[in-house]
C-alpha atoms as a PDB file:
ATOM      1  CA  MET A   1     -19.517  31.684 -28.125  1.00  0.00           C
ATOM      2  CA  ALA A   2     -19.026  31.554 -24.410  1.00  0.00           C
ATOM      3  CA  TYR A   3     -21.071  33.731 -22.022  1.00  0.00           C
ATOM      4  CA  ILE A   4     -19.622  37.242 -21.611  1.00  0.00           C
ATOM      5  CA  GLY A   5     -20.612  39.460 -18.655  1.00  0.00           C
ATOM      6  CA  ARG A   6     -20.964  39.474 -14.908  1.00  0.00           C
ATOM      7  CA  ASP A   7     -20.820  36.198 -13.069  1.00  0.00           C
ATOM      8  CA  THR A   8     -24.264  34.685 -13.328  1.00  0.00           C
ATOM      9  CA  ASP A   9     -24.577  34.391  -9.549  1.00  0.00           C
ATOM     10  CA  LYS A  10     -24.376  38.202  -9.409  1.00  0.00           C
ATOM     11  CA  ILE A  11     -27.395  38.782 -11.669  1.00  0.00           C
ATOM     12  CA  SER A  12     -30.449  39.664  -9.615  1.00  0.00           C
ATOM     13  CA  ASN A  13     -33.165  36.985  -9.655  1.00  0.00           C
ATOM     14  CA  VAL A  14     -31.358  34.731 -12.131  1.00  0.00           C
ATOM     15  CA  GLU A  15     -30.914  31.136 -11.046  1.00  0.00           C
ATOM     16  CA  VAL A  16     -28.018  29.023 -12.276  1.00  0.00           C
ATOM     17  CA  LEU A  17     -29.135  25.448 -12.896  1.00  0.00           C
ATOM     18  CA  ASP A  18     -26.995  22.330 -13.131  1.00  0.00           C
ATOM     19  CA  ASN A  19     -25.401  21.744 -16.536  1.00  0.00           C
ATOM     20  CA  ILE A  20     -27.101  19.024 -18.543  1.00  0.00           C
ATOM     21  CA  THR A  21     -25.188  15.872 -19.386  1.00  0.00           C
ATOM     22  CA  PHE A  22     -26.252  14.853 -22.888  1.00  0.00           C
ATOM     23  CA  ASP A  23     -26.572  11.188 -23.862  1.00  0.00           C
ATOM     24  CA  GLY A  24     -28.137  11.283 -27.323  1.00  0.00           C
ATOM     25  CA  SER A  25     -31.701  11.746 -26.049  1.00  0.00           C
ATOM     26  CA  SER A  26     -34.014  14.613 -26.966  1.00  0.00           C
ATOM     27  CA  SER A  27     -35.337  15.306 -23.438  1.00  0.00           C
ATOM     28  CA  TYR A  28     -33.596  15.799 -20.103  1.00  0.00           C
ATOM     29  CA  THR A  29     -34.379  16.629 -16.494  1.00  0.00           C
ATOM     30  CA  LEU A  30     -33.632  20.134 -15.252  1.00  0.00           C
ATOM     31  CA  GLN A  31     -31.994  20.272 -11.842  1.00  0.00           C
ATOM     32  CA  LYS A  32     -30.633  22.793  -9.413  1.00  0.00           C
ATOM     33  CA  SER A  33     -28.139  21.496  -6.877  1.00  0.00           C
ATOM     34  CA  SER A  34     -29.109  17.965  -7.952  1.00  0.00           C
ATOM     35  CA  VAL A  35     -32.818  18.587  -7.160  1.00  0.00           C
ATOM     36  CA  ASN A  36     -35.418  18.565  -9.926  1.00  0.00           C
ATOM     37  CA  PHE A  37     -36.310  22.130 -10.921  1.00  0.00           C
ATOM     38  CA  THR A  38     -39.519  23.379 -12.555  1.00  0.00           C
ATOM     39  CA  PRO A  39     -39.079  26.657 -14.462  1.00  0.00           C
ATOM     40  CA  SER A  40     -41.819  29.270 -14.847  1.00  0.00           C
ATOM     41  CA  SER A  41     -41.971  28.493 -18.571  1.00  0.00           C
ATOM     42  CA  ALA A  42     -39.708  27.630 -21.503  1.00  0.00           C
ATOM     43  CA  ASN A  43     -39.349  31.343 -22.191  1.00  0.00           C
ATOM     44  CA  THR A  44     -37.588  31.894 -18.867  1.00  0.00           C
ATOM     45  CA  LEU A  45     -34.723  29.537 -19.745  1.00  0.00           C
ATOM     46  CA  LEU A  46     -31.490  30.378 -21.479  1.00  0.00           C
ATOM     47  CA  LEU A  47     -28.791  27.768 -22.111  1.00  0.00           C
ATOM     48  CA  SER A  48     -25.720  27.137 -24.267  1.00  0.00           C
ATOM     49  CA  ILE A  49     -24.717  23.977 -26.139  1.00  0.00           C
ATOM     50  CA  ASP A  50     -21.217  23.814 -27.572  1.00  0.00           C
ATOM     51  CA  GLY A  51     -20.983  27.605 -27.322  1.00  0.00           C
ATOM     52  CA  VAL A  52     -24.284  28.237 -29.091  1.00  0.00           C
ATOM     53  CA  VAL A  53     -26.947  30.009 -27.004  1.00  0.00           C
ATOM     54  CA  GLN A  54     -30.307  28.254 -27.118  1.00  0.00           C
ATOM     55  CA  ALA A  55     -33.590  30.119 -26.505  1.00  0.00           C
ATOM     56  CA  GLY A  56     -37.125  29.394 -27.635  1.00  0.00           C
ATOM     57  CA  ASN A  57     -36.184  26.256 -29.572  1.00  0.00           C
ATOM     58  CA  PHE A  58     -37.284  23.790 -26.894  1.00  0.00           C
ATOM     59  CA  THR A  59     -40.333  23.033 -24.747  1.00  0.00           C
ATOM     60  CA  VAL A  60     -40.751  22.464 -21.032  1.00  0.00           C
ATOM     61  CA  SER A  61     -43.134  20.227 -19.118  1.00  0.00           C
ATOM     62  CA  GLY A  62     -42.636  20.284 -15.375  1.00  0.00           C
ATOM     63  CA  SER A  63     -38.915  19.780 -14.817  1.00  0.00           C
ATOM     64  CA  THR A  64     -38.384  18.146 -18.240  1.00  0.00           C
ATOM     65  CA  ILE A  65     -36.854  20.082 -21.151  1.00  0.00           C
ATOM     66  CA  ASP A  66     -37.374  18.667 -24.679  1.00  0.00           C
ATOM     67  CA  PHE A  67     -35.262  19.839 -27.629  1.00  0.00           C
ATOM     68  CA  GLY A  68     -37.446  18.098 -30.179  1.00  0.00           C
ATOM     69  CA  THR A  69     -34.425  16.278 -31.580  1.00  0.00           C
ATOM     70  CA  ALA A  70     -31.632  14.144 -30.206  1.00  0.00           C
ATOM     71  CA  VAL A  71     -28.669  15.985 -28.708  1.00  0.00           C
ATOM     72  CA  ALA A  72     -25.425  14.122 -29.324  1.00  0.00           C
ATOM     73  CA  GLY A  73     -23.727  12.676 -26.307  1.00  0.00           C
ATOM     74  CA  THR A  74     -20.520  14.409 -27.412  1.00  0.00           C
ATOM     75  CA  SER A  75     -22.138  17.847 -27.023  1.00  0.00           C
ATOM     76  CA  THR A  76     -21.322  19.988 -24.014  1.00  0.00           C
ATOM     77  CA  CYS A  77     -23.740  22.138 -21.981  1.00  0.00           C
ATOM     78  CA  ASP A  78     -22.014  25.394 -21.088  1.00  0.00           C
ATOM     79  CA  PHE A  79     -24.704  26.798 -18.748  1.00  0.00           C
ATOM     80  CA  VAL A  80     -28.408  26.754 -17.959  1.00  0.00           C
ATOM     81  CA  LEU A  81     -29.994  29.952 -16.630  1.00  0.00           C
ATOM     82  CA  HIS A  82     -33.457  30.539 -15.291  1.00  0.00           C
ATOM     83  CA  TYR A  83     -34.676  34.133 -15.384  1.00  0.00           C
ATOM     84  CA  GLY A  84     -36.839  34.300 -12.273  1.00  0.00           C
ATOM     85  CA  VAL A  85     -38.847  36.682 -10.140  1.00  0.00           C
ATOM     86  CA  GLY A  86     -38.667  40.369 -10.900  1.00  0.00           C
ATOM     87  CA  LEU A  87     -36.345  40.365 -13.903  1.00  0.00           C
ATOM     88  CA  ILE A  88     -38.142  39.594 -17.145  1.00  0.00           C
ATOM     89  CA  THR A  89     -41.103  37.509 -16.059  1.00  0.00           C
ATOM     90  CA  ALA A  90     -43.853  37.188 -13.451  1.00  0.00           C
ATOM     91  CA  PRO A  91     -43.049  35.086 -10.367  1.00  0.00           C
ATOM     92  CA  SER A  92     -43.918  31.424 -10.657  1.00  0.00           C
ATOM     93  CA  ASP A  93     -46.405  29.847  -8.283  1.00  0.00           C
ATOM     94  CA  GLY A  94     -45.066  29.349  -4.786  1.00  0.00           C
ATOM     95  CA  THR A  95     -41.873  31.331  -5.325  1.00  0.00           C
ATOM     96  CA  VAL A  96     -42.714  34.428  -3.252  1.00  0.00           C
ATOM     97  CA  THR A  97     -41.642  33.787   0.327  1.00  0.00           C
ATOM     98  CA  ALA A  98     -42.147  35.857   3.470  1.00  0.00           C
ATOM     99  CA  ALA A  99     -38.515  36.913   3.283  1.00  0.00           C
ATOM    100  CA  LYS A 100     -39.206  38.534  -0.083  1.00  0.00           C
ATOM    101  CA  LEU A 101     -41.865  40.849   1.397  1.00  0.00           C
ATOM    102  CA  GLY A 102     -40.827  44.128   2.936  1.00  0.00           C
ATOM    103  CA  ALA A 103     -41.932  45.081   6.442  1.00  0.00           C
ATOM    104  CA  ASN A 104     -45.443  46.653   6.428  1.00  0.00           C
ATOM    105  CA  SER A 105     -45.678  46.022   2.677  1.00  0.00           C
ATOM    106  CA  VAL A 106     -49.067  44.245   2.809  1.00  0.00           C
ATOM    107  CA  THR A 107     -51.730  46.895   3.452  1.00  0.00           C
ATOM    108  CA  ALA A 108     -55.510  46.734   3.806  1.00  0.00           C
ATOM    109  CA  ALA A 109     -55.810  47.920   0.205  1.00  0.00           C
ATOM    110  CA  LYS A 110     -54.226  44.632  -0.921  1.00  0.00           C
ATOM    111  CA  LEU A 111     -56.604  42.416   1.056  1.00  0.00           C
ATOM    112  CA  ASN A 112     -59.602  41.151  -0.875  1.00  0.00           C
ATOM    113  CA  ASN A 113     -63.018  41.716   0.682  1.00  0.00           C
ATOM    114  CA  ASP A 114     -63.858  37.996   0.411  1.00  0.00           C
ATOM    115  CA  ILE A 115     -61.342  37.027   3.100  1.00  0.00           C
ATOM    116  CA  ILE A 116     -64.318  36.929   5.480  1.00  0.00           C
ATOM    117  CA  SER A 117     -67.275  35.433   3.667  1.00  0.00           C
ATOM    118  CA  GLY A 118     -70.100  32.979   4.030  1.00  0.00           C
ATOM    119  CA  THR A 119     -67.713  30.123   3.305  1.00  0.00           C
ATOM    120  CA  THR A 120     -65.814  30.852   6.510  1.00  0.00           C
ATOM    121  CA  ALA A 121     -68.767  31.902   8.691  1.00  0.00           C
ATOM    122  CA  LEU A 122     -69.445  30.063  11.946  1.00  0.00           C
ATOM    123  CA  ALA A 123     -72.953  28.688  12.261  1.00  0.00           C
ATOM    124  CA  SER A 124     -72.829  28.528  16.062  1.00  0.00           C
ATOM    125  CA  GLU A 125     -71.068  30.052  19.045  1.00  0.00           C
ATOM    126  CA  PRO A 126     -67.255  29.825  18.733  1.00  0.00           C
ATOM    127  CA  ALA A 127     -65.388  27.172  20.683  1.00  0.00           C
ATOM    128  CA  ASP A 128     -63.482  28.383  23.737  1.00  0.00           C
ATOM    129  CA  THR A 129     -60.169  27.811  21.918  1.00  0.00           C
ATOM    130  CA  ASP A 130     -61.194  29.722  18.777  1.00  0.00           C
ATOM    131  CA  GLU A 131     -59.034  32.796  18.409  1.00  0.00           C
ATOM    132  CA  PHE A 132     -59.740  36.462  17.617  1.00  0.00           C
ATOM    133  CA  LEU A 133     -57.311  39.129  16.455  1.00  0.00           C
ATOM    134  CA  VAL A 134     -57.108  42.309  18.524  1.00  0.00           C
ATOM    135  CA  SER A 135     -54.928  45.388  18.277  1.00  0.00           C
ATOM    136  CA  ASP A 136     -53.010  46.062  21.473  1.00  0.00           C
ATOM    137  CA  ALA A 137     -51.639  49.606  21.104  1.00  0.00           C
ATOM    138  CA  GLY A 138     -51.128  48.956  17.394  1.00  0.00           C
ATOM    139  CA  THR A 139     -49.699  45.440  17.797  1.00  0.00           C
ATOM    140  CA  LEU A 140     -51.842  42.569  16.506  1.00  0.00           C
ATOM    141  CA  LYS A 141     -52.353  39.844  19.075  1.00  0.00           C
ATOM    142  CA  ARG A 142     -54.584  36.785  19.253  1.00  0.00           C
ATOM    143  CA  ILE A 143     -56.907  35.954  22.125  1.00  0.00           C
ATOM    144  CA  ASP A 144     -59.014  32.883  22.898  1.00  0.00           C
ATOM    145  CA  TYR A 145     -62.787  33.289  22.819  1.00  0.00           C
ATOM    146  CA  SER A 146     -62.952  31.868  26.368  1.00  0.00           C
ATOM    147  CA  LEU A 147     -61.246  35.026  27.652  1.00  0.00           C
ATOM    148  CA  ILE A 148     -63.691  37.496  26.114  1.00  0.00           C
ATOM    149  CA  LYS A 149     -67.062  35.757  26.051  1.00  0.00           C
ATOM    150  CA  SER A 150     -69.657  36.948  28.510  1.00  0.00           C
ATOM    151  CA  GLY A 151     -70.697  34.814  31.415  1.00  0.00           C
ATOM    152  CA  THR A 152     -74.177  33.473  32.041  1.00  0.00           C
ATOM    153  CA  PRO A 153     -76.661  36.254  31.187  1.00  0.00           C
ATOM    154  CA  HIS A 154     -78.680  37.609  34.066  1.00  0.00           C
ATOM    155  CA  MET A 155     -81.931  37.680  32.103  1.00  0.00           C
ATOM    156  CA  VAL A 156     -82.860  35.496  29.140  1.00  0.00           C
ATOM    157  CA  LYS A 157     -85.795  36.417  26.925  1.00  0.00           C
ATOM    158  CA  LEU A 158     -88.075  33.386  26.610  1.00  0.00           C
ATOM    159  CA  SER A 159     -91.208  34.538  24.811  1.00  0.00           C
ATOM    160  CA  THR A 160     -93.327  37.556  23.914  1.00  0.00           C
ATOM    161  CA  GLN A 161     -97.074  37.754  23.383  1.00  0.00           C
ATOM    162  CA  THR A 162     -98.949  40.722  21.952  1.00  0.00           C
ATOM    163  CA  ALA A 163    -102.554  41.399  22.901  1.00  0.00           C
ATOM    164  CA  SER A 164    -104.781  43.056  20.312  1.00  0.00           C
ATOM    165  CA  GLY A 165    -108.346  43.138  21.552  1.00  0.00           C
ATOM    166  CA  ASP A 166    -107.776  40.001  23.678  1.00  0.00           C
ATOM    167  CA  SER A 167    -109.609  39.210  26.897  1.00  0.00           C
ATOM    168  CA  SER A 168    -106.550  37.454  28.370  1.00  0.00           C
ATOM    169  CA  ILE A 169    -103.055  36.194  27.602  1.00  0.00           C
ATOM    170  CA  ASP A 170    -101.695  32.932  29.015  1.00  0.00           C
ATOM    171  CA  PHE A 171     -98.086  31.787  29.416  1.00  0.00           C
ATOM    172  CA  THR A 172     -98.277  28.003  29.634  1.00  0.00           C
ATOM    173  CA  SER A 173     -94.804  26.792  28.601  1.00  0.00           C
ATOM    174  CA  GLY A 174     -91.190  27.458  29.478  1.00  0.00           C
ATOM    175  CA  ILE A 175     -91.900  27.835  33.209  1.00  0.00           C
ATOM    176  CA  ASP A 176     -89.807  25.212  34.975  1.00  0.00           C
ATOM    177  CA  SER A 177     -86.699  24.735  37.131  1.00  0.00           C
ATOM    178  CA  THR A 178     -84.351  26.153  34.477  1.00  0.00           C
ATOM    179  CA  TYR A 179     -84.451  29.583  36.115  1.00  0.00           C
ATOM    180  CA  GLN A 180     -84.709  30.621  39.757  1.00  0.00           C
ATOM    181  CA  GLN A 181     -86.945  33.571  38.965  1.00  0.00           C
ATOM    182  CA  TYR A 182     -89.330  34.505  36.165  1.00  0.00           C
ATOM    183  CA  HIS A 183     -89.835  38.114  35.127  1.00  0.00           C
ATOM    184  CA  PHE A 184     -92.753  39.486  33.110  1.00  0.00           C
ATOM    185  CA  GLU A 185     -92.485  42.893  31.406  1.00  0.00           C
ATOM    186  CA  PHE A 186     -95.685  44.781  30.531  1.00  0.00           C
ATOM    187  CA  THR A 187     -95.499  47.376  27.742  1.00  0.00           C
ATOM    188  CA  GLU A 188     -98.214  49.841  26.625  1.00  0.00           C
ATOM    189  CA  ILE A 189    -101.076  48.005  28.320  1.00  0.00           C
ATOM    190  CA  ASN A 190    -104.285  49.728  27.213  1.00  0.00           C
ATOM    191  CA  LEU A 191    -107.584  48.464  28.628  1.00  0.00           C
ATOM    192  CA  ALA A 192    -110.717  48.814  26.515  1.00  0.00           C
ATOM    193  CA  THR A 193    -112.968  49.462  29.508  1.00  0.00           C
ATOM    194  CA  ASP A 194    -112.439  52.741  31.374  1.00  0.00           C
ATOM    195  CA  GLY A 195    -111.766  52.073  35.051  1.00  0.00           C
ATOM    196  CA  ALA A 196    -110.999  48.360  34.592  1.00  0.00           C
ATOM    197  CA  GLU A 197    -108.111  46.608  36.380  1.00  0.00           C
ATOM    198  CA  PHE A 198    -105.117  44.809  34.875  1.00  0.00           C
ATOM    199  CA  GLN A 199    -104.825  41.525  36.794  1.00  0.00           C
ATOM    200  CA  PHE A 200    -103.029  38.179  37.038  1.00  0.00           C
ATOM    201  CA  GLN A 201    -103.365  34.701  38.516  1.00  0.00           C
ATOM    202  CA  THR A 202    -101.572  31.358  38.222  1.00  0.00           C
ATOM    203  CA  ASP A 203    -102.247  27.632  38.159  1.00  0.00           C
ATOM    204  CA  ILE A 204    -100.514  24.274  38.510  1.00  0.00           C
ATOM    205  CA  GLY A 205    -100.082  21.347  36.126  1.00  0.00           C
ATOM    206  CA  THR A 206    -102.437  21.733  33.179  1.00  0.00           C
ATOM    207  CA  GLY A 207    -105.099  23.468  35.261  1.00  0.00           C
ATOM    208  CA  THR A 208    -107.125  26.325  33.820  1.00  0.00           C
ATOM    209  CA  ALA A 209    -109.016  27.490  36.904  1.00  0.00           C
ATOM    210  CA  TYR A 210    -106.392  30.114  37.776  1.00  0.00           C
ATOM    211  CA  ASN A 211    -107.414  30.311  41.419  1.00  0.00           C
ATOM    212  CA  ILE A 212    -104.333  29.513  43.518  1.00  0.00           C
ATOM    213  CA  GLY A 213    -104.578  30.883  47.060  1.00  0.00           C
ATOM    214  CA  MET A 214    -102.468  33.944  47.807  1.00  0.00           C
ATOM    215  CA  THR A 215    -101.796  36.569  50.407  1.00  0.00           C
ATOM    216  CA  SER A 216    -100.830  39.999  49.065  1.00  0.00           C
ATOM    217  CA  ILE A 217     -99.998  43.547  50.071  1.00  0.00           C
ATOM    218  CA  VAL A 218    -100.763  46.598  47.939  1.00  0.00           C
ATOM    219  CA  TYR A 219     -99.449  50.183  48.081  1.00  0.00           C
ATOM    220  CA  HIS A 220    -100.188  52.964  45.654  1.00  0.00           C
ATOM    221  CA  ALA A 221     -99.131  56.545  45.070  1.00  0.00           C
ATOM    222  CA  GLU A 222    -100.988  59.099  42.995  1.00  0.00           C
ATOM    223  CA  ASN A 223    -100.775  62.714  41.879  1.00  0.00           C
ATOM    224  CA  PRO A 224    -103.544  64.614  40.026  1.00  0.00           C
ATOM    225  CA  GLU A 225    -102.840  65.923  36.561  1.00  0.00           C
ATOM    226  CA  ALA A 226    -104.388  69.239  37.618  1.00  0.00           C
ATOM    227  CA  GLY A 227    -102.205  69.479  40.722  1.00  0.00           C
ATOM    228  CA  GLY A 228    -103.358  69.821  44.312  1.00  0.00           C
ATOM    229  CA  GLY A 229    -101.043  67.347  46.012  1.00  0.00           C
ATOM    230  CA  GLY A 230    -100.397  63.644  45.803  1.00  0.00           C
ATOM    231  CA  SER A 231    -100.777  60.769  48.267  1.00  0.00           C
ATOM    232  CA  PHE A 232     -99.277  57.409  49.229  1.00  0.00           C
ATOM    233  CA  THR A 233    -101.715  54.808  50.541  1.00  0.00           C
ATOM    234  CA  TYR A 234    -101.997  51.176  51.613  1.00  0.00           C
ATOM    235  CA  SER A 235    -104.894  49.696  49.647  1.00  0.00           C
ATOM    236  CA  THR A 236    -106.938  47.393  51.847  1.00  0.00           C
ATOM    237  CA  ALA A 237    -109.518  47.114  49.060  1.00  0.00           C
ATOM    238  CA  ARG A 238    -107.042  45.407  46.752  1.00  0.00           C
ATOM    239  CA  ASP A 239    -105.019  43.087  48.988  1.00  0.00           C
ATOM    240  CA  GLN A 240    -105.909  39.449  49.633  1.00  0.00           C
ATOM    241  CA  SER A 241    -105.563  37.146  52.646  1.00  0.00           C
ATOM    242  CA  GLN A 242    -105.615  33.578  51.447  1.00  0.00           C
ATOM    243  CA  GLY A 243    -107.758  34.727  48.545  1.00  0.00           C
ATOM    244  CA  SER A 244    -108.009  33.010  45.176  1.00  0.00           C
ATOM    245  CA  ALA A 245    -109.234  35.909  43.049  1.00  0.00           C
ATOM    246  CA  PHE A 246    -107.212  37.564  40.301  1.00  0.00           C
ATOM    247  CA  GLN A 247    -104.808  40.050  41.832  1.00  0.00           C
ATOM    248  CA  ASP A 248    -104.940  43.665  40.620  1.00  0.00           C
ATOM    249  CA  LEU A 249    -101.616  44.947  39.293  1.00  0.00           C
ATOM    250  CA  PHE A 250    -102.921  48.298  38.011  1.00  0.00           C
ATOM    251  CA  PRO A 251    -106.388  49.621  38.989  1.00  0.00           C
ATOM    252  CA  ASP A 252    -108.904  52.000  37.421  1.00  0.00           C
ATOM    253  CA  ALA A 253    -106.967  52.340  34.201  1.00  0.00           C
ATOM    254  CA  GLY A 254    -107.828  55.014  31.703  1.00  0.00           C
ATOM    255  CA  ASN A 255    -108.929  53.733  28.310  1.00  0.00           C
ATOM    256  CA  GLY A 256    -108.161  56.772  26.158  1.00  0.00           C
ATOM    257  CA  GLY A 257    -106.214  56.289  22.950  1.00  0.00           C
ATOM    258  CA  ASP A 258    -103.142  57.865  24.549  1.00  0.00           C
ATOM    259  CA  GLU A 259    -103.578  56.263  28.005  1.00  0.00           C
ATOM    260  CA  SER A 260    -101.692  53.161  29.068  1.00  0.00           C
ATOM    261  CA  CYS A 261     -99.720  51.539  31.866  1.00  0.00           C
ATOM    262  CA  PHE A 262     -96.508  49.542  32.058  1.00  0.00           C
ATOM    263  CA  GLY A 263     -94.382  47.689  34.579  1.00  0.00           C
ATOM    264  CA  TYR A 264     -93.273  44.222  35.647  1.00  0.00           C
ATOM    265  CA  LEU A 265     -94.049  41.152  37.737  1.00  0.00           C
ATOM    266  CA  ARG A 266     -91.344  38.909  39.190  1.00  0.00           C
ATOM    267  CA  VAL A 267     -92.019  35.443  40.658  1.00  0.00           C
ATOM    268  CA  GLN A 268     -89.508  33.559  42.770  1.00  0.00           C
ATOM    269  CA  ASN A 269     -88.786  29.953  41.772  1.00  0.00           C
ATOM    270  CA  PRO A 270     -92.305  28.994  40.615  1.00  0.00           C
ATOM    271  CA  SER A 271     -91.283  25.351  40.052  1.00  0.00           C
ATOM    272  CA  SER A 272     -90.244  24.804  43.670  1.00  0.00           C
ATOM    273  CA  THR A 273     -92.065  21.992  45.462  1.00  0.00           C
ATOM    274  CA  THR A 274     -90.666  23.095  48.829  1.00  0.00           C
ATOM    275  CA  PHE A 275     -91.422  26.779  49.305  1.00  0.00           C
ATOM    276  CA  THR A 276     -94.347  29.113  48.811  1.00  0.00           C
ATOM    277  CA  LYS A 277     -93.981  31.279  45.699  1.00  0.00           C
ATOM    278  CA  ASN A 278     -93.161  34.899  46.498  1.00  0.00           C
ATOM    279  CA  PHE A 279     -93.921  37.593  43.942  1.00  0.00           C
ATOM    280  CA  MET A 280     -93.623  41.349  43.559  1.00  0.00           C
ATOM    281  CA  SER A 281     -94.869  43.833  41.003  1.00  0.00           C
ATOM    282  CA  ARG A 282     -94.791  47.503  40.170  1.00  0.00           C
ATOM    283  CA  MET A 283     -96.840  49.254  37.518  1.00  0.00           C
ATOM    284  CA  ASP A 284     -97.157  52.917  36.595  1.00  0.00           C
ATOM    285  CA  GLY A 285     -99.588  54.590  34.233  1.00  0.00           C
ATOM    286  CA  TYR A 286    -102.577  56.778  33.519  1.00  0.00           C
ATOM    287  CA  HIS A 287    -105.465  56.470  35.987  1.00  0.00           C
ATOM    288  CA  GLN A 288    -109.032  57.074  34.757  1.00  0.00           C
ATOM    289  CA  ALA A 289    -109.330  60.054  37.125  1.00  0.00           C
ATOM    290  CA  ASN A 290    -106.506  61.823  35.280  1.00  0.00           C
ATOM    291  CA  LEU A 291    -103.893  60.820  37.823  1.00  0.00           C
ATOM    292  CA  ALA A 292    -100.298  59.755  37.538  1.00  0.00           C
ATOM    293  CA  PHE A 293    -100.667  56.444  39.344  1.00  0.00           C
ATOM    294  CA  SER A 294     -98.132  53.939  40.672  1.00  0.00           C
ATOM    295  CA  MET A 295     -98.980  50.637  42.368  1.00  0.00           C
ATOM    296  CA  SER A 296     -96.695  48.161  44.111  1.00  0.00           C
ATOM    297  CA  VAL A 297     -97.901  44.652  44.872  1.00  0.00           C
ATOM    298  CA  GLY A 298     -96.170  41.900  46.827  1.00  0.00           C
ATOM    299  CA  GLY A 299     -97.108  38.594  48.364  1.00  0.00           C
ATOM    300  CA  PHE A 300     -96.953  34.838  48.000  1.00  0.00           C
ATOM    301  CA  PHE A 301     -98.917  31.937  46.581  1.00  0.00           C
ATOM    302  CA  ASN A 302     -99.517  29.584  49.484  1.00  0.00           C
ATOM    303  CA  THR A 303     -98.735  26.298  47.752  1.00  0.00           C
ATOM    304  CA  SER A 304     -95.805  23.934  47.539  1.00  0.00           C
ATOM    305  CA  TYR A 305     -96.941  22.698  44.124  1.00  0.00           C
ATOM    306  CA  ALA A 306     -95.021  23.903  41.101  1.00  0.00           C
ATOM    307  CA  LEU A 307     -96.651  26.796  39.291  1.00  0.00           C
ATOM    308  CA  THR A 308     -96.679  26.091  35.554  1.00  0.00           C
ATOM    309  CA  ARG A 309     -98.802  28.848  33.959  1.00  0.00           C
ATOM    310  CA  PHE A 310     -99.779  32.494  34.362  1.00  0.00           C
ATOM    311  CA  ARG A 311    -102.759  34.435  33.025  1.00  0.00           C
ATOM    312  CA  PHE A 312    -102.968  38.206  32.542  1.00  0.00           C
ATOM    313  CA  LYS A 313    -106.294  39.890  31.811  1.00  0.00           C
ATOM    314  CA  SER A 314    -108.523  42.905  32.141  1.00  0.00           C
ATOM    315  CA  SER A 315    -111.185  42.760  34.857  1.00  0.00           C
ATOM    316  CA  SER A 316    -113.694  43.881  32.220  1.00  0.00           C
ATOM    317  CA  GLY A 317    -113.487  43.734  28.459  1.00  0.00           C
ATOM    318  CA  ASN A 318    -110.396  43.319  26.307  1.00  0.00           C
ATOM    319  CA  PHE A 319    -106.969  44.915  26.237  1.00  0.00           C
ATOM    320  CA  ASP A 320    -104.017  45.664  23.991  1.00  0.00           C
ATOM    321  CA  GLY A 321    -100.324  45.562  24.817  1.00  0.00           C
ATOM    322  CA  ARG A 322     -97.209  43.427  24.891  1.00  0.00           C
ATOM    323  CA  ILE A 323     -96.028  41.012  27.594  1.00  0.00           C
ATOM    324  CA  THR A 324     -92.560  39.460  27.535  1.00  0.00           C
ATOM    325  CA  MET A 325     -91.393  36.635  29.807  1.00  0.00           C
ATOM    326  CA  TYR A 326     -87.743  36.345  30.895  1.00  0.00           C
ATOM    327  CA  GLY A 327     -85.889  33.695  32.834  1.00  0.00           C
ATOM    328  CA  VAL A 328     -83.654  35.167  35.535  1.00  0.00           C
ATOM    329  CA  ASN A 329     -80.371  33.616  36.672  1.00  0.00           C
ATOM    330  CA  ALA A 330     -80.390  34.822  40.252  1.00  0.00           C
END
């Protein structure tokens, strides 16, 4: 019998396919608006031949329907219906479009946690045109990496050495024209010999004499642990005038288990072959005489040769502590 009910184009999510023209074959191509059509499955099709509704008595492969037996060319196809998304079957692959999704319908709860995974991880710094998502007052926007990346860092950590009962520590690589200044940080320097000095010197090329001529100035301030007033003094005993000895950075250090000193040394453009090499240092710590002690050292190495290595040591015995070298983009 003929189809009875609402017009098929009024049924939600039901697609009306082109009627099939039979020619005595057993298989035919399904089409919609003269374009090949692939149904979700054979079970989602309903059709009528000569007034008899057909369902479940045929197979489907792609857009081809096979009745398993020849259909006479004199037979008439009354209709072909495809029951689609949301009615009696799951949506077929590729059938859910953006228009089918309601506004704000996709929430974080529906996003799988493997969206960002090792398979999508960058192994290096992003390209300038790589994009990031940001929320601008609740509105998602994209921004190029070039607009948010930091500029050239002021200080770049180059290397760290840790002394543990060492007589000296040498920095012999990474000192070149890459940076205009080099900065050394001293942390928890503890000298084994009570009253010893923490010192430094430099050399050129592959030299190991560490005796480059320098002129230096030295100031120190101190305040007794027991009170009684502090002082600020220029130290003529510790400066050098065209001397080649190791320069004191912290003098008369206490060697107790809880006594140490810390600070920094900065050298201007050690690889220059034009200028002398200016330097400055400040260190604070525990003096052997139970003083809070601070010493500032400045000066220059009187050479136009490039300085390539620095040595730090105790004037007597070994020391513990950590020294880190940074390159400075001045």
